[in-house]
Protein backbone atom coordinates (compact mmCIF):
# COMPACT_ATOMS: atom_id res chain seq x y z
CA MET A 1 -7.96 25.33 -21.44
CA LEU A 2 -6.60 27.54 -18.11
CA PRO A 3 -3.88 25.93 -16.88
CA SER A 4 -4.85 26.40 -13.46
CA ILE A 5 -7.83 24.58 -14.04
CA ALA A 6 -8.49 22.02 -10.92
CA ARG A 7 -11.93 20.85 -11.71
CA ILE A 8 -14.24 19.79 -14.61
CA LYS A 9 -17.87 18.97 -14.82
CA LEU A 10 -19.38 17.44 -18.28
CA GLN A 11 -22.97 16.49 -17.88
CA ASN A 12 -25.49 15.20 -20.05
CA VAL A 13 -23.56 15.99 -23.19
CA THR A 14 -22.28 14.16 -26.19
CA CYS A 15 -18.80 14.53 -26.91
CA SER A 16 -16.67 12.01 -29.29
CA SER A 17 -13.90 9.69 -27.65
CA SER A 18 -11.32 11.54 -29.55
CA TRP A 19 -12.31 14.80 -28.15
CA LEU A 20 -12.20 13.43 -24.65
CA HIS A 21 -8.84 11.85 -25.38
CA SER A 22 -7.69 15.24 -26.37
CA LEU A 23 -8.80 16.49 -23.07
CA PHE A 24 -7.14 13.61 -21.04
CA SER A 25 -4.28 13.90 -22.87
CA THR A 26 -4.13 17.95 -21.90
CA LEU A 27 -5.02 17.25 -18.26
CA LEU A 28 -1.89 14.31 -17.97
CA THR A 29 0.56 17.65 -18.93
CA LEU A 30 -0.42 19.86 -16.00
CA ASN A 31 1.74 20.00 -12.91
CA HIS A 32 -1.32 19.69 -10.59
CA ARG A 33 -4.12 17.21 -9.73
CA VAL A 34 -7.46 17.87 -11.63
CA MET A 35 -10.67 15.97 -10.94
CA CYS A 36 -12.79 15.36 -14.04
CA GLU A 37 -16.69 14.49 -13.49
CA LEU A 38 -18.71 12.40 -16.26
CA GLN A 39 -22.50 12.34 -15.54
CA GLU A 40 -24.73 10.59 -18.27
CA ILE A 41 -22.18 11.78 -21.08
CA SER A 42 -22.70 9.85 -24.39
CA ILE A 43 -19.40 9.00 -26.09
CA GLU A 44 -19.31 9.25 -29.90
CA CYS A 45 -17.24 5.75 -30.64
CA GLU A 46 -16.33 3.37 -33.68
CA TYR A 47 -19.84 1.94 -32.27
CA GLY A 48 -21.68 5.29 -32.36
CA ALA A 49 -22.97 6.86 -29.28
CA GLU A 50 -23.82 4.86 -26.55
CA ARG A 51 -25.17 4.40 -23.34
CA LYS A 52 -25.01 7.25 -20.39
CA THR A 53 -21.39 6.82 -19.31
CA TRP A 54 -20.74 8.43 -15.42
CA ALA A 55 -16.97 8.30 -14.17
CA ASP A 56 -14.86 10.49 -11.64
CA ILE A 57 -11.15 10.85 -12.90
CA HIS A 58 -8.41 12.38 -11.14
CA THR A 59 -5.08 13.30 -12.97
CA CYS A 60 -2.14 13.70 -11.07
CA LEU A 61 1.74 14.80 -11.15
CA ASN A 62 4.04 12.41 -12.68
CA HIS A 63 1.03 11.42 -15.78
CA VAL A 64 -1.20 9.35 -12.79
CA PHE A 65 -4.55 8.26 -13.96
CA TRP A 66 -6.91 7.41 -11.31
CA ILE A 67 -10.77 6.60 -12.88
CA HIS A 68 -13.55 5.51 -10.47
CA ILE A 69 -16.41 4.07 -13.27
CA TRP A 70 -19.81 3.48 -12.54
CA SER A 71 -21.67 3.33 -15.73
CA GLU A 72 -18.81 2.49 -18.46
CA SER A 73 -18.74 2.10 -22.49
CA HIS A 74 -16.95 1.58 -25.33
CA GLY A 75 -15.80 5.22 -25.66
CA LEU A 76 -14.46 5.57 -22.33
CA TRP A 77 -11.52 2.72 -22.98
CA GLU A 78 -11.45 4.35 -26.76
CA ALA A 79 -10.64 7.54 -25.18
CA LEU A 80 -8.02 6.43 -23.17
CA HIS A 81 -6.01 4.63 -26.10
CA GLY A 82 -2.21 5.97 -25.79
CA LEU A 83 -2.08 8.19 -23.50
CA ASN A 84 1.09 9.29 -21.95
CA ILE A 85 0.00 7.24 -18.12
CA LYS A 86 3.10 5.92 -16.13
CA ARG A 87 0.23 4.78 -12.99
CA LEU A 88 -3.51 3.84 -13.63
CA CYS A 89 -5.42 3.08 -11.07
CA LEU A 90 -8.90 1.64 -12.15
CA ASN A 91 -11.90 1.80 -9.40
CA GLY A 92 -15.38 0.85 -9.25
CA SER A 93 -17.67 -0.89 -11.73
CA ILE A 94 -15.53 -3.11 -14.92
CA GLY A 95 -17.89 -5.84 -15.11
CA ASP A 96 -18.33 -5.66 -18.73
CA LEU A 97 -15.13 -6.13 -19.78
CA ASP A 98 -16.48 -9.38 -21.25
CA LEU A 99 -18.62 -7.52 -23.52
CA ILE A 100 -16.14 -5.01 -24.53
CA ARG A 101 -12.57 -7.09 -23.91
CA ILE A 102 -11.08 -5.53 -27.19
CA GLU A 103 -11.91 -1.88 -26.77
CA TRP A 104 -10.33 -2.79 -22.90
CA SER A 105 -7.45 -4.77 -24.28
CA LEU A 106 -6.62 -2.40 -27.00
CA SER A 107 -6.69 0.57 -24.90
CA LEU A 108 -4.13 -1.40 -21.95
CA SER A 109 -1.71 -2.75 -24.78
CA SER A 110 -1.68 1.10 -26.52
CA LEU A 111 -0.62 2.60 -22.85
CA THR A 112 3.44 2.00 -23.82
CA GLN A 113 4.68 4.73 -20.71
CA LEU A 114 2.70 2.64 -18.90
CA GLU A 115 4.76 1.48 -15.83
CA SER A 116 1.91 0.78 -12.49
CA LEU A 117 -1.79 -0.69 -12.41
CA SER A 118 -4.12 -1.04 -9.84
CA ILE A 119 -6.92 -2.47 -10.48
CA LYS A 120 -9.78 -2.15 -7.19
CA ALA A 121 -12.98 -3.32 -8.29
CA GLY A 122 -14.19 -7.08 -8.97
CA TYR A 123 -12.94 -9.78 -10.87
CA ASP A 124 -16.00 -11.63 -12.40
CA SER A 125 -14.81 -10.95 -15.80
CA LEU A 126 -12.34 -13.22 -18.13
CA GLY A 127 -11.85 -10.34 -20.02
CA LEU A 128 -9.59 -8.50 -17.04
CA TRP A 129 -7.19 -11.49 -16.98
CA LYS A 130 -6.91 -11.72 -21.00
CA ALA A 131 -6.12 -8.21 -21.09
CA ILE A 132 -3.34 -7.59 -18.35
CA HIS A 133 -1.76 -10.93 -19.40
CA GLY A 134 2.02 -10.09 -20.56
CA MET A 135 2.02 -6.62 -20.06
CA ASN A 136 5.52 -4.77 -19.45
CA ILE A 137 4.18 -3.22 -15.92
CA LYS A 138 6.61 -3.19 -12.56
CA THR A 139 3.64 -3.09 -10.41
CA LEU A 140 0.52 -4.53 -10.05
CA CYS A 141 -2.10 -3.97 -7.34
CA LEU A 142 -5.34 -6.17 -7.07
CA LEU A 143 -7.33 -4.88 -4.15
CA GLY A 144 -10.59 -5.80 -5.34
CA ASN A 145 -13.82 -7.82 -4.86
CA LEU A 146 -11.50 -10.37 -2.66
CA PRO A 147 -13.57 -13.96 -2.84
CA ASP A 148 -13.02 -12.89 -6.65
CA LEU A 149 -9.84 -13.73 -6.57
CA ASN A 150 -10.27 -16.96 -5.02
CA TRP A 151 -12.72 -18.36 -7.34
CA HIS A 152 -10.09 -17.04 -10.10
CA HIS A 153 -7.18 -18.15 -8.77
CA LYS A 154 -5.94 -20.12 -11.85
CA GLN A 155 -6.13 -17.34 -14.03
CA LEU A 156 -4.01 -15.48 -11.22
CA SER A 157 -1.84 -18.12 -12.05
CA MET A 158 -1.55 -18.10 -15.54
CA VAL A 159 -1.46 -14.31 -15.58
CA LEU A 160 1.21 -13.08 -12.55
CA PRO A 161 4.25 -15.01 -14.16
CA SER A 162 3.42 -13.61 -17.46
CA LEU A 163 4.63 -10.23 -16.09
CA THR A 164 7.89 -10.89 -16.83
CA HIS A 165 8.88 -6.53 -15.94
CA MET A 166 7.12 -7.40 -12.49
CA GLU A 167 8.63 -5.95 -9.16
CA THR A 168 6.32 -5.04 -6.92
CA LEU A 169 2.85 -6.55 -6.00
CA SER A 170 -0.15 -5.84 -4.14
CA ILE A 171 -2.55 -8.39 -3.92
CA GLY A 172 -5.66 -9.10 -1.49
CA VAL A 173 -6.63 -12.49 -0.01
CA LEU A 174 -9.34 -13.26 1.62
CA ASN A 175 -8.65 -15.66 5.00
CA GLY A 176 -5.36 -15.67 3.26
CA SER A 177 -6.13 -18.26 0.73
CA SER A 178 -3.98 -20.96 0.37
CA SER A 179 -5.09 -20.98 -3.64
CA VAL A 180 -3.32 -17.15 -4.35
CA SER A 181 -0.48 -18.13 -2.35
CA LYS A 182 0.28 -21.05 -4.96
CA ALA A 183 -0.13 -18.36 -7.77
CA LEU A 184 2.76 -16.12 -6.17
CA HIS A 185 4.96 -19.34 -6.47
CA GLY A 186 8.37 -18.28 -7.36
CA LEU A 187 7.63 -15.09 -8.82
CA ASN A 188 10.60 -12.56 -9.49
CA ILE A 189 9.04 -9.87 -7.59
CA LYS A 190 11.08 -7.73 -5.25
CA ASN A 191 8.24 -6.09 -3.23
CA LEU A 192 5.25 -7.60 -1.82
CA CYS A 193 1.69 -6.58 -0.07
CA LEU A 194 -0.54 -8.77 1.40
CA CYS A 195 -3.85 -7.27 2.61
CA GLY A 196 -6.37 -9.21 4.73
CA LEU A 197 -3.36 -12.24 5.29
CA THR A 198 -4.87 -14.65 8.38
CA GLU A 199 -3.58 -17.70 9.79
CA GLY A 200 -6.78 -19.31 7.78
CA SER A 201 -7.73 -23.23 8.28
CA GLY A 202 -4.62 -24.14 10.27
CA ALA A 203 -1.08 -25.48 10.44
CA ASP A 204 -1.09 -26.69 6.79
CA HIS A 205 -2.58 -23.05 5.29
CA VAL A 206 0.31 -21.81 7.06
CA ASP A 207 2.94 -23.80 5.51
CA ALA A 208 1.39 -22.93 2.02
CA TRP A 209 2.24 -19.76 2.67
CA SER A 210 5.98 -20.24 3.87
CA GLN A 211 6.58 -21.99 1.08
CA SER A 212 5.53 -19.62 -1.39
CA LEU A 213 6.97 -16.80 0.70
CA SER A 214 10.03 -18.63 0.74
CA SER A 215 10.38 -19.31 -3.39
CA LEU A 216 10.09 -15.79 -3.73
CA THR A 217 13.84 -15.41 -3.84
CA HIS A 218 14.21 -12.54 -5.29
CA LEU A 219 12.03 -10.75 -2.30
CA GLU A 220 12.97 -7.43 -1.32
CA SER A 221 10.53 -5.59 1.21
CA LEU A 222 7.11 -7.57 2.66
CA SER A 223 4.30 -5.93 3.81
CA ILE A 224 1.31 -7.45 5.30
CA LYS A 225 -2.06 -5.89 6.46
CA ALA A 226 -3.07 -8.83 9.03
CA GLY A 227 -6.55 -9.78 9.12
CA TYR A 228 -8.56 -11.56 12.32
CA GLY A 229 -7.53 -14.92 13.04
CA SER A 230 -3.60 -13.92 12.32
CA THR A 231 -2.12 -15.70 15.69
CA GLY A 232 -0.17 -17.57 13.45
CA LEU A 233 1.65 -15.65 11.07
CA TRP A 234 5.29 -15.36 12.70
CA LYS A 235 5.54 -18.84 11.26
CA VAL A 236 5.61 -17.71 7.47
CA LEU A 237 8.56 -14.80 7.61
CA HIS A 238 10.71 -17.30 9.17
CA GLY A 239 14.13 -16.97 7.45
CA LEU A 240 13.20 -14.80 4.66
CA SER A 241 16.13 -12.91 3.26
CA ILE A 242 14.21 -9.45 3.30
CA LYS A 243 15.54 -6.06 3.83
CA THR A 244 12.50 -4.25 4.70
CA LEU A 245 9.07 -5.23 6.62
CA PHE A 246 5.81 -3.86 7.73
CA LEU A 247 3.38 -5.26 9.65
CA SER A 248 -0.07 -3.82 10.47
CA GLY A 249 -2.45 -5.55 12.79
CA ILE A 250 -0.14 -8.56 13.17
CA LEU A 251 0.98 -8.41 16.58
CA ARG A 252 -1.97 -9.10 18.72
CA ASP A 253 -0.85 -12.13 20.22
CA LEU A 254 2.47 -11.04 21.11
CA ASP A 255 1.52 -11.63 24.55
CA VAL A 256 1.48 -15.05 24.01
CA HIS A 257 3.42 -15.75 21.82
CA HIS A 258 6.29 -13.69 22.36
CA ALA A 259 8.95 -16.12 22.13
CA GLU A 260 8.21 -17.15 18.78
CA TRP A 261 7.89 -13.86 17.32
CA SER A 262 11.29 -12.84 18.61
CA GLN A 263 12.86 -16.14 17.08
CA SER A 264 11.12 -15.02 13.57
CA LEU A 265 12.04 -11.99 13.51
CA SER A 266 15.71 -12.37 14.71
CA SER A 267 15.76 -15.47 11.81
CA LEU A 268 15.48 -12.08 9.44
CA THR A 269 19.17 -12.05 9.19
CA GLN A 270 19.51 -9.72 6.13
CA LEU A 271 16.67 -7.19 7.95
CA GLU A 272 17.44 -3.50 7.66
CA THR A 273 14.12 -1.78 8.43
CA ILE A 274 10.89 -2.39 10.24
CA THR A 275 7.44 -0.39 10.04
CA LEU A 276 4.88 -1.29 12.56
CA HIS A 277 1.37 -0.24 12.42
CA GLU A 278 -0.59 -1.32 15.69
CA ASP A 279 -3.08 -0.32 18.43
CA THR A 280 -0.12 0.02 20.87
CA TYR A 281 3.09 -0.78 20.95
CA LYS A 282 4.36 -3.79 22.53
CA HIS A 283 8.25 -4.64 23.24
CA LEU A 284 9.54 -7.29 20.70
CA GLN A 285 13.40 -8.47 20.14
CA LEU A 286 14.23 -7.00 16.66
CA PRO A 287 17.28 -8.96 14.78
CA GLN A 288 20.89 -7.33 15.27
CA SER A 289 20.65 -6.07 11.14
CA LEU A 290 18.41 -3.57 12.09
CA LYS A 291 18.55 0.52 11.30
CA TYR A 292 15.45 1.78 11.33
CA LEU A 293 12.49 1.49 13.21
CA ASN A 294 9.05 3.29 12.26
CA ILE A 295 6.21 3.01 14.42
CA TYR A 296 2.61 4.03 13.83
CA CYS A 297 0.53 3.90 16.89
CA TYR A 298 -3.47 4.89 17.96
CA LYS A 299 -3.53 6.76 21.03
CA LEU A 300 -0.47 6.57 24.03
CA ILE A 301 -0.10 8.29 27.09
CA PRO A 302 2.74 10.07 28.14
CA PRO A 303 4.32 7.10 30.60
CA LYS A 304 3.82 4.86 27.95
CA VAL A 305 6.16 7.04 25.20
CA ILE A 306 8.50 6.80 27.84
CA GLU A 307 8.65 3.22 28.16
CA LEU A 308 8.38 2.83 24.63
CA VAL A 309 12.00 4.84 24.20
CA ASP A 310 13.41 3.10 27.26
CA THR A 311 13.32 -0.39 25.77
CA LEU A 312 14.81 0.52 22.26
CA PRO A 313 18.42 0.48 23.27
CA THR A 314 17.60 -3.09 24.15
CA CYS A 315 15.59 -3.68 20.70
CA THR A 316 19.23 -4.73 19.18
CA LYS A 317 22.52 -5.91 20.68
CA LYS A 318 25.80 -4.49 19.97
CA VAL A 319 26.17 -3.61 16.45
CA GLU A 320 30.03 -3.70 14.85
CA GLY A 321 31.61 -0.34 13.72
CA ARG A 322 29.79 2.79 14.89
CA GLN A 323 26.46 2.13 13.37
CA THR A 324 23.30 4.05 14.68
CA PHE A 325 20.09 2.85 15.42
CA ARG A 326 17.12 5.34 13.85
CA CYS A 327 13.60 4.85 14.87
CA SER A 328 10.51 7.50 14.00
CA VAL A 329 7.82 6.77 16.05
CA GLU A 330 4.09 8.79 15.35
CA PHE A 331 1.22 8.37 17.53
CA LEU A 332 -2.20 9.64 18.12
CA THR A 333 -2.75 11.96 21.55
CA SER A 334 -5.40 11.38 23.90
CA GLN A 335 -7.76 14.21 24.04
CA ASN A 336 -8.48 13.34 28.26
CA ILE A 337 -4.57 14.59 28.65
CA PRO A 338 -3.06 18.36 28.10
CA LEU A 339 -0.46 18.64 25.69
CA GLU A 340 1.44 20.27 28.20
CA GLU A 341 2.20 16.34 28.93
CA TYR A 342 3.05 15.35 26.29
CA THR A 343 5.52 17.96 25.98
CA ALA A 344 7.32 17.13 28.76
CA ILE A 345 8.69 13.99 27.34
CA GLN A 346 10.78 15.88 24.90
CA GLN A 347 12.16 17.31 28.51
CA GLU A 348 12.04 13.89 29.90
CA LEU A 349 14.35 12.43 26.55
CA GLY A 350 17.09 15.53 26.80
CA THR A 351 18.17 13.40 29.62
CA ARG A 352 18.69 10.15 28.08
CA LYS A 353 22.66 9.55 27.74
CA ASN A 354 21.96 6.97 24.45
CA VAL A 355 19.05 8.32 22.93
CA THR A 356 19.32 11.80 20.74
CA LEU A 357 16.01 13.45 19.89
CA GLU A 358 16.48 14.59 16.29
CA ARG A 359 12.69 15.61 16.18
CA PHE A 360 9.75 16.73 18.15
CA GLN A 361 6.54 17.82 17.03
CA ILE A 362 2.88 18.44 17.96
CA LEU A 363 1.13 18.43 14.68
CA GLU A 364 -2.45 19.87 14.51
CA PRO A 365 -5.25 17.96 13.02
CA MET A 366 -5.07 18.14 9.13
CA PRO A 367 -7.57 19.27 7.31
CA GLU A 368 -9.88 16.55 5.50
CA THR A 369 -8.11 15.24 2.24
CA ASN A 370 -8.35 12.24 0.35
CA LEU A 371 -5.20 10.58 0.54
CA TYR A 372 -5.69 7.74 -1.64
CA PHE A 373 -4.26 10.61 -3.99
CA VAL A 374 -1.78 11.60 -1.62
CA ASP A 375 2.12 11.40 -3.35
CA VAL A 376 4.10 8.80 -1.68
CA ASP A 377 7.55 8.01 -1.73
CA ASP A 378 8.53 5.76 -4.75
CA ASP A 379 10.10 3.32 -3.03
CA CYS A 380 6.75 2.38 -1.24
CA VAL A 381 5.95 -1.09 -1.53
CA CYS A 382 2.23 -0.08 -2.27
CA ASP A 383 3.32 2.65 -4.77
CA PHE A 384 1.64 5.64 -5.24
CA TYR A 385 -1.44 3.44 -3.65
CA VAL A 386 -1.36 3.40 -0.39
CA CYS A 387 -1.76 1.13 1.78
CA ASP A 388 -5.11 0.88 3.39
CA SER A 389 -3.56 0.58 6.93
CA TYR A 390 -1.68 4.27 6.68
CA VAL A 391 -4.46 5.61 5.20
CA SER A 392 -6.88 4.89 8.11
CA PHE A 393 -4.23 6.22 10.63
CA LYS A 394 -3.70 9.32 8.40
CA GLU A 395 -7.86 9.54 8.62
CA MET A 396 -7.78 10.10 12.49
CA THR A 397 -5.32 12.58 12.49
CA ASN A 398 -7.99 14.65 10.85
CA HIS A 399 -9.61 14.80 14.10
CA SER A 400 -6.88 14.67 16.59
CA HIS A 401 -3.43 15.90 17.66
CA HIS A 402 -0.36 13.89 16.71
CA ILE A 403 3.17 13.72 17.65
CA LEU A 404 6.22 13.11 15.39
CA MET A 405 9.27 11.91 16.87
CA GLN A 406 12.71 10.86 15.36
CA LEU A 407 15.49 9.31 17.55
CA VAL A 408 18.79 8.11 17.10
CA ILE A 409 20.21 5.42 19.44
CA ASN A 410 24.01 4.50 19.61
CA PRO A 411 23.24 0.51 20.97
CA ALA A 412 27.01 0.83 21.59
CA SER A 413 26.21 3.49 24.37
CA THR A 414 24.36 1.03 26.21
CA HIS A 415 27.76 -1.26 27.55
């Protein structure tokens, strides 16, 4: 095989599962991304050649194996057996797991190097839950057909505690289902990402999530991508001992509940980093312990950018010692405003005595790319499965200029 190969297409052919296994094994040794398309291929395995298999497969750096299944087969799972995969992402149709759960379970259990598993599909198969029960993975991502998780919360309650090595969990929660919150109770995880969390049916619902999150005594990082109707979610954060917080779409009610949000954030006495992904930035009273603030916004006009920077020194009170407060802001420009007006921001910020502008960069629209395959920092809460909200922001940069600013603020200089 050519070491520079980037794409392979197999169509209307018959091959053995062992040959396919050898192909996948070789692709995982390459130091670049490769796409492999399987279109209507018959895979010979223990059960003989069977129905046509359709799947798109990507192998990436660091032993990442991504697969989108259109039509599966026994042979496909046999081909995965024993591969040196550290991160496995399954998408698409895995609805027949009950029929092939033996092969599925054997394949997963044979991946002895597997650290991270992501499943973005339906969860209506008991074979799925049996297959992942007791695995030694560190990261689990369940972001598929959200109603299924609500129906299978009992299976979820049995599976999650069995993953004793799990440190990171990313999970979709339809309407903030309180049944899912019960499944999370008392887990020894360090990082949690909740997608679709809402206020749900009222106070009892919010209380259930508050109790569940408070029971996660080892939790260090929390990421919440809020759904619509999330006006009361400031309550679930109160008093958590987390160090990192990511919020997306959660501050829509800030004008109404500003005092409650400020009080809730101030109660996070161990918090060091906040990342906000919002339509626009709204001023918040941030905790004294904060060291880093990251903001991703859609279109901001130049006066709003200056206003945002001017509010930063008042976000935190005086910090003991010579500790500085760092902020990164990335936002899309407005097409109705000349770029020269944004360039003037750099000169304006140069006059601020309490602000050091370390970076100001106007970035061109990015070329089209599939952001779900972008390699990100290993410390990301959602591991390499990029949070949908961040992906949606980056996709917008395909069509618009965007600006990246990095600032350092010395709280003591305000006195």
